[in-house]
Amino acid sequence: MAAERRAKQLKRAHKQYNTRRDDSDGFYKTERWRKFRAVYIKRHPLCCECEAAGRVTAAVIVDHIKPYKTHPELGLAWDNVRALCRPCHNRIGAKVGLTGA
């Protein structure tokens, strides 16, 4: 019973969140981005932040250094992206106010 209520609540929250997402988020669904991301992760399999701290962590996110929303012309620029693990991505995003974390 409680699990069902929680599932319904989460579904509503996700629906509301998705209606507020920027149109620029559609870029991340394009074939060009998916191919770019796949090649980048293959060439940079480790999180650059963890690596700098002496840790070995697999990268799962290709992060734009200058955000795509404000610099769409750099969307596929190799020198504007970095490979990150999820915790580093969330930490960096929270610092610059891009996440709810």
Protein backbone atom coordinates (compact mmCIF):
# COMPACT_ATOMS: atom_id res chain seq x y z
CA MET A 1 0.00 0.00 0.00
CA ALA A 2 2.69 2.51 1.00
CA ALA A 3 4.89 1.33 -1.87
CA GLU A 4 2.06 1.96 -4.35
CA ARG A 5 1.49 5.48 -2.99
CA ARG A 6 5.23 6.17 -3.20
CA ALA A 7 5.36 4.89 -6.79
CA LYS A 8 2.44 7.14 -7.78
CA GLN A 9 4.05 10.11 -6.04
CA LEU A 10 7.35 9.50 -7.86
CA LYS A 11 5.57 9.17 -11.20
CA ARG A 12 3.85 12.55 -10.65
CA ALA A 13 7.13 14.17 -9.57
CA HIS A 14 8.96 12.85 -12.65
CA LYS A 15 6.16 14.02 -14.93
CA GLN A 16 6.25 17.51 -13.41
CA TYR A 17 10.05 17.64 -13.66
CA ASN A 18 10.02 16.57 -17.30
CA THR A 19 7.54 19.31 -18.24
CA ARG A 20 9.97 21.90 -16.82
CA ARG A 21 13.07 20.58 -18.63
CA ASP A 22 14.65 22.89 -21.17
CA ASP A 23 14.36 22.21 -24.87
CA SER A 24 18.17 22.07 -24.95
CA ASP A 25 17.99 18.73 -23.13
CA GLY A 26 16.83 17.20 -26.42
CA PHE A 27 20.42 17.52 -27.65
CA TYR A 28 21.40 14.62 -25.39
CA LYS A 29 18.99 12.33 -27.24
CA THR A 30 20.47 13.01 -30.67
CA GLU A 31 22.44 10.39 -32.58
CA ARG A 32 25.38 12.81 -32.92
CA TRP A 33 25.65 13.23 -29.14
CA ARG A 34 25.26 9.51 -28.43
CA LYS A 35 28.05 8.65 -30.88
CA PHE A 36 30.27 11.45 -29.59
CA ARG A 37 29.70 10.34 -26.00
CA ALA A 38 30.43 6.68 -26.79
CA VAL A 39 33.74 7.53 -28.47
CA TYR A 40 34.72 9.94 -25.69
CA ILE A 41 34.02 7.42 -22.91
CA LYS A 42 35.94 4.77 -24.81
CA ARG A 43 38.97 7.05 -25.07
CA HIS A 44 38.59 8.42 -21.52
CA PRO A 45 37.24 5.54 -19.42
CA LEU A 46 38.23 6.99 -16.03
CA CYS A 47 36.77 9.89 -14.08
CA CYS A 48 39.20 12.79 -14.47
CA GLU A 49 38.38 14.18 -10.99
CA CYS A 50 39.00 10.86 -9.26
CA GLU A 51 42.14 10.29 -11.30
CA ALA A 52 43.49 13.69 -10.20
CA ALA A 53 42.87 12.64 -6.58
CA GLY A 54 44.68 9.32 -7.04
CA ARG A 55 41.56 7.16 -7.30
CA VAL A 56 40.55 4.84 -10.12
CA THR A 57 36.85 5.17 -10.90
CA ALA A 58 35.03 4.38 -14.12
CA ALA A 59 33.53 7.38 -15.90
CA VAL A 60 29.85 7.13 -16.75
CA ILE A 61 29.07 10.74 -17.70
CA VAL A 62 30.51 13.03 -20.35
CA ASP A 63 30.13 16.46 -18.77
CA HIS A 64 30.25 19.80 -20.55
CA ILE A 65 32.70 22.17 -18.85
CA LYS A 66 30.86 25.18 -20.29
CA PRO A 67 27.19 24.12 -20.12
CA TYR A 68 25.47 23.19 -23.35
CA LYS A 69 22.49 25.36 -22.39
CA THR A 70 24.61 28.53 -22.51
CA HIS A 71 27.22 27.40 -25.08
CA PRO A 72 25.46 25.13 -27.61
CA GLU A 73 28.19 25.83 -30.16
CA LEU A 74 30.55 23.81 -27.90
CA GLY A 75 28.22 20.82 -27.67
CA LEU A 76 30.54 18.50 -29.59
CA ALA A 77 33.86 20.17 -28.79
CA TRP A 78 36.41 17.73 -27.37
CA ASP A 79 38.08 20.44 -25.29
CA ASN A 80 34.78 21.36 -23.60
CA VAL A 81 33.96 17.95 -22.13
CA ARG A 82 35.35 15.71 -19.42
CA ALA A 83 34.69 12.18 -18.25
CA LEU A 84 33.20 11.94 -14.75
CA CYS A 85 31.76 9.37 -12.39
CA ARG A 86 28.27 10.12 -11.08
CA PRO A 87 29.37 11.32 -7.59
CA CYS A 88 31.87 13.79 -9.07
CA HIS A 89 29.32 15.01 -11.61
CA ASN A 90 26.74 15.59 -8.86
CA ARG A 91 29.29 17.34 -6.63
CA ILE A 92 30.47 19.64 -9.43
CA GLY A 93 26.89 20.33 -10.54
CA ALA A 94 25.84 21.19 -7.00
CA LYS A 95 28.77 23.64 -6.73
CA VAL A 96 27.67 25.57 -9.79
CA GLY A 97 23.97 25.28 -8.99
CA LEU A 98 23.00 22.87 -11.76
CA THR A 99 21.59 20.06 -9.63
CA GLY A 100 19.11 19.76 -6.83
CA ALA A 101 21.74 18.04 -4.66
